[in-house]
Amino acid sequence: MYSKVHSRLPWFFDYIGEPEDDFVVELYGDVNFDGTLNVVDIVQIIGFILNTVIPTEEEFLTADISQDGTLNILDVIMVVQEVIGTSFRGAVEWLIENFPELEVERRLMELDKSIHFTK
């Protein structure tokens, strides 16, 4: 049986293509894959969090800066910290001012409550 299947494998892979290699994140937060962290990445990650844009698997893995398997407000804050070179509080204030629809303070409070309940 094996010899019958094995002899057909080249045809099978020609038909469906070779299996893809596992994706490796080169720069966390660089969701447009241009090699730099900038405001474009911030806007795109905010879109992911607001569910106005659905990330691909590669974008999701790259946007998950905290590497906890979820995209949340902390991931955006970490990108803002890197891009504008500020503290956590400075990043929060910048997001509140520039992206009020993100409701940063509410999301942080919800995140804080979920952390307390899981301990």
C-alpha atoms as a PDB file:
ATOM      1  CA  MET A   1       0.000   0.000   0.000  1.00  0.00           C
ATOM      2  CA  TYR A   2       2.788   2.431   0.930  1.00  0.00           C
ATOM      3  CA  SER A   3       4.470   2.041  -2.459  1.00  0.00           C
ATOM      4  CA  LYS A   4       1.246   2.971  -4.245  1.00  0.00           C
ATOM      5  CA  VAL A   5       0.803   6.146  -2.194  1.00  0.00           C
ATOM      6  CA  HIS A   6       4.479   7.077  -2.122  1.00  0.00           C
ATOM      7  CA  SER A   7       4.770   6.979  -5.900  1.00  0.00           C
ATOM      8  CA  ARG A   8       1.909   9.482  -6.172  1.00  0.00           C
ATOM      9  CA  LEU A   9       3.248  12.026  -3.659  1.00  0.00           C
ATOM     10  CA  PRO A  10       5.114  14.150  -6.240  1.00  0.00           C
ATOM     11  CA  TRP A  11       1.878  14.545  -8.190  1.00  0.00           C
ATOM     12  CA  PHE A  12      -0.015  15.411  -5.000  1.00  0.00           C
ATOM     13  CA  PHE A  13       2.442  18.146  -3.966  1.00  0.00           C
ATOM     14  CA  ASP A  14       2.568  19.517  -7.512  1.00  0.00           C
ATOM     15  CA  TYR A  15      -1.208  19.816  -7.310  1.00  0.00           C
ATOM     16  CA  ILE A  16      -1.573  21.445  -3.867  1.00  0.00           C
ATOM     17  CA  GLY A  17       1.863  22.998  -3.515  1.00  0.00           C
ATOM     18  CA  GLU A  18       4.553  22.295  -1.000  1.00  0.00           C
ATOM     19  CA  PRO A  19       3.717  22.732   2.688  1.00  0.00           C
ATOM     20  CA  GLU A  20       4.581  26.235   3.887  1.00  0.00           C
ATOM     21  CA  ASP A  21       7.274  26.833   6.460  1.00  0.00           C
ATOM     22  CA  ASP A  22       6.207  28.063   9.876  1.00  0.00           C
ATOM     23  CA  PHE A  23       5.946  31.841  10.069  1.00  0.00           C
ATOM     24  CA  VAL A  24       8.610  33.550  12.184  1.00  0.00           C
ATOM     25  CA  VAL A  25       8.046  37.087  13.447  1.00  0.00           C
ATOM     26  CA  GLU A  26      10.950  39.335  12.515  1.00  0.00           C
ATOM     27  CA  LEU A  27       9.784  42.539  14.243  1.00  0.00           C
ATOM     28  CA  TYR A  28       6.884  42.450  16.684  1.00  0.00           C
ATOM     29  CA  GLY A  29       4.396  45.208  15.948  1.00  0.00           C
ATOM     30  CA  ASP A  30       5.423  45.625  12.299  1.00  0.00           C
ATOM     31  CA  VAL A  31       2.082  44.415  10.962  1.00  0.00           C
ATOM     32  CA  ASN A  32       2.571  45.891   7.483  1.00  0.00           C
ATOM     33  CA  PHE A  33       5.935  44.094   7.227  1.00  0.00           C
ATOM     34  CA  ASP A  34       7.912  47.095   5.984  1.00  0.00           C
ATOM     35  CA  GLY A  35      10.758  46.574   8.474  1.00  0.00           C
ATOM     36  CA  THR A  36       9.968  49.550  10.728  1.00  0.00           C
ATOM     37  CA  LEU A  37       7.577  50.376  13.537  1.00  0.00           C
ATOM     38  CA  ASN A  38       5.561  53.493  12.801  1.00  0.00           C
ATOM     39  CA  VAL A  39       2.120  55.078  13.065  1.00  0.00           C
ATOM     40  CA  VAL A  40       0.833  52.920  10.191  1.00  0.00           C
ATOM     41  CA  ASP A  41       1.394  49.846  12.365  1.00  0.00           C
ATOM     42  CA  ILE A  42      -0.382  51.516  15.293  1.00  0.00           C
ATOM     43  CA  VAL A  43      -3.416  52.335  13.151  1.00  0.00           C
ATOM     44  CA  GLN A  44      -3.580  48.813  11.770  1.00  0.00           C
ATOM     45  CA  ILE A  45      -3.357  47.170  15.212  1.00  0.00           C
ATOM     46  CA  ILE A  46      -6.081  49.513  16.471  1.00  0.00           C
ATOM     47  CA  GLY A  47      -8.203  48.312  13.558  1.00  0.00           C
ATOM     48  CA  PHE A  48      -7.625  44.724  14.687  1.00  0.00           C
ATOM     49  CA  ILE A  49      -8.678  45.547  18.249  1.00  0.00           C
ATOM     50  CA  LEU A  50     -11.764  47.491  17.122  1.00  0.00           C
ATOM     51  CA  ASN A  51     -12.645  44.628  14.763  1.00  0.00           C
ATOM     52  CA  THR A  52     -12.756  46.939  11.753  1.00  0.00           C
ATOM     53  CA  VAL A  53      -9.954  44.897  10.159  1.00  0.00           C
ATOM     54  CA  ILE A  54      -9.507  41.141  10.492  1.00  0.00           C
ATOM     55  CA  PRO A  55      -5.820  40.210  10.775  1.00  0.00           C
ATOM     56  CA  THR A  56      -4.241  37.380   8.860  1.00  0.00           C
ATOM     57  CA  GLU A  57      -2.532  34.747  10.983  1.00  0.00           C
ATOM     58  CA  GLU A  58       0.844  36.384  10.301  1.00  0.00           C
ATOM     59  CA  GLU A  59      -0.480  39.843  11.189  1.00  0.00           C
ATOM     60  CA  PHE A  60      -2.014  38.488  14.391  1.00  0.00           C
ATOM     61  CA  LEU A  61       1.245  36.836  15.471  1.00  0.00           C
ATOM     62  CA  THR A  62       3.194  39.996  14.662  1.00  0.00           C
ATOM     63  CA  ALA A  63       0.715  42.304  16.431  1.00  0.00           C
ATOM     64  CA  ASP A  64       0.730  40.191  19.609  1.00  0.00           C
ATOM     65  CA  ILE A  65       3.729  41.983  21.069  1.00  0.00           C
ATOM     66  CA  SER A  66       3.094  40.669  24.571  1.00  0.00           C
ATOM     67  CA  GLN A  67       3.063  37.155  23.054  1.00  0.00           C
ATOM     68  CA  ASP A  68       0.141  36.079  25.235  1.00  0.00           C
ATOM     69  CA  GLY A  69      -2.001  34.764  22.385  1.00  0.00           C
ATOM     70  CA  THR A  70      -4.458  37.673  22.410  1.00  0.00           C
ATOM     71  CA  LEU A  71      -4.589  41.105  20.837  1.00  0.00           C
ATOM     72  CA  ASN A  72      -5.590  43.723  23.333  1.00  0.00           C
ATOM     73  CA  ILE A  73      -4.926  47.251  24.473  1.00  0.00           C
ATOM     74  CA  LEU A  74      -1.550  46.313  25.951  1.00  0.00           C
ATOM     75  CA  ASP A  75      -0.222  45.360  22.519  1.00  0.00           C
ATOM     76  CA  VAL A  76      -1.186  48.775  21.115  1.00  0.00           C
ATOM     77  CA  ILE A  77       0.319  50.581  24.093  1.00  0.00           C
ATOM     78  CA  MET A  78       3.590  48.705  23.660  1.00  0.00           C
ATOM     79  CA  VAL A  79       3.805  49.692  19.978  1.00  0.00           C
ATOM     80  CA  VAL A  80       3.049  53.335  20.820  1.00  0.00           C
ATOM     81  CA  GLN A  81       5.785  53.271  23.470  1.00  0.00           C
ATOM     82  CA  GLU A  82       8.286  52.112  20.857  1.00  0.00           C
ATOM     83  CA  VAL A  83       7.150  54.409  18.055  1.00  0.00           C
ATOM     84  CA  ILE A  84       6.949  57.677  19.979  1.00  0.00           C
ATOM     85  CA  GLY A  85       9.493  56.768  22.659  1.00  0.00           C
ATOM     86  CA  THR A  86       7.397  57.387  25.732  1.00  0.00           C
ATOM     87  CA  SER A  87       6.374  55.765  28.987  1.00  0.00           C
ATOM     88  CA  PHE A  88       3.356  53.541  29.491  1.00  0.00           C
ATOM     89  CA  ARG A  89       1.323  56.502  30.795  1.00  0.00           C
ATOM     90  CA  GLY A  90       2.530  58.698  27.924  1.00  0.00           C
ATOM     91  CA  ALA A  91       1.404  56.060  25.420  1.00  0.00           C
ATOM     92  CA  VAL A  92      -2.000  55.823  27.113  1.00  0.00           C
ATOM     93  CA  GLU A  93      -2.436  59.604  26.998  1.00  0.00           C
ATOM     94  CA  TRP A  94      -1.362  59.710  23.341  1.00  0.00           C
ATOM     95  CA  LEU A  95      -3.914  57.031  22.445  1.00  0.00           C
ATOM     96  CA  ILE A  96      -6.682  58.785  24.404  1.00  0.00           C
ATOM     97  CA  GLU A  97      -5.988  62.015  22.553  1.00  0.00           C
ATOM     98  CA  ASN A  98      -5.521  60.561  19.067  1.00  0.00           C
ATOM     99  CA  PHE A  99      -7.862  57.539  19.104  1.00  0.00           C
ATOM    100  CA  PRO A 100     -10.774  58.237  21.478  1.00  0.00           C
ATOM    101  CA  GLU A 101     -12.839  55.498  19.777  1.00  0.00           C
ATOM    102  CA  LEU A 102     -10.412  52.961  21.266  1.00  0.00           C
ATOM    103  CA  GLU A 103     -11.674  53.762  24.794  1.00  0.00           C
ATOM    104  CA  VAL A 104      -8.263  53.028  26.259  1.00  0.00           C
ATOM    105  CA  GLU A 105      -9.130  53.588  29.917  1.00  0.00           C
ATOM    106  CA  ARG A 106     -12.211  51.337  29.750  1.00  0.00           C
ATOM    107  CA  ARG A 107     -10.217  48.589  28.047  1.00  0.00           C
ATOM    108  CA  LEU A 108      -7.458  48.845  30.655  1.00  0.00           C
ATOM    109  CA  MET A 109     -10.000  48.600  33.487  1.00  0.00           C
ATOM    110  CA  GLU A 110     -11.613  45.540  31.868  1.00  0.00           C
ATOM    111  CA  LEU A 111      -8.208  43.965  31.426  1.00  0.00           C
ATOM    112  CA  ASP A 112      -7.313  44.687  35.047  1.00  0.00           C
ATOM    113  CA  LYS A 113     -10.554  43.072  36.260  1.00  0.00           C
ATOM    114  CA  SER A 114      -9.987  39.963  34.150  1.00  0.00           C
ATOM    115  CA  ILE A 115      -6.463  39.593  35.545  1.00  0.00           C
ATOM    116  CA  HIS A 116      -7.734  39.795  39.143  1.00  0.00           C
ATOM    117  CA  PHE A 117     -10.430  37.187  38.514  1.00  0.00           C
ATOM    118  CA  THR A 118      -8.051  34.694  36.934  1.00  0.00           C
ATOM    119  CA  LYS A 119      -5.577  34.624  39.814  1.00  0.00           C
END
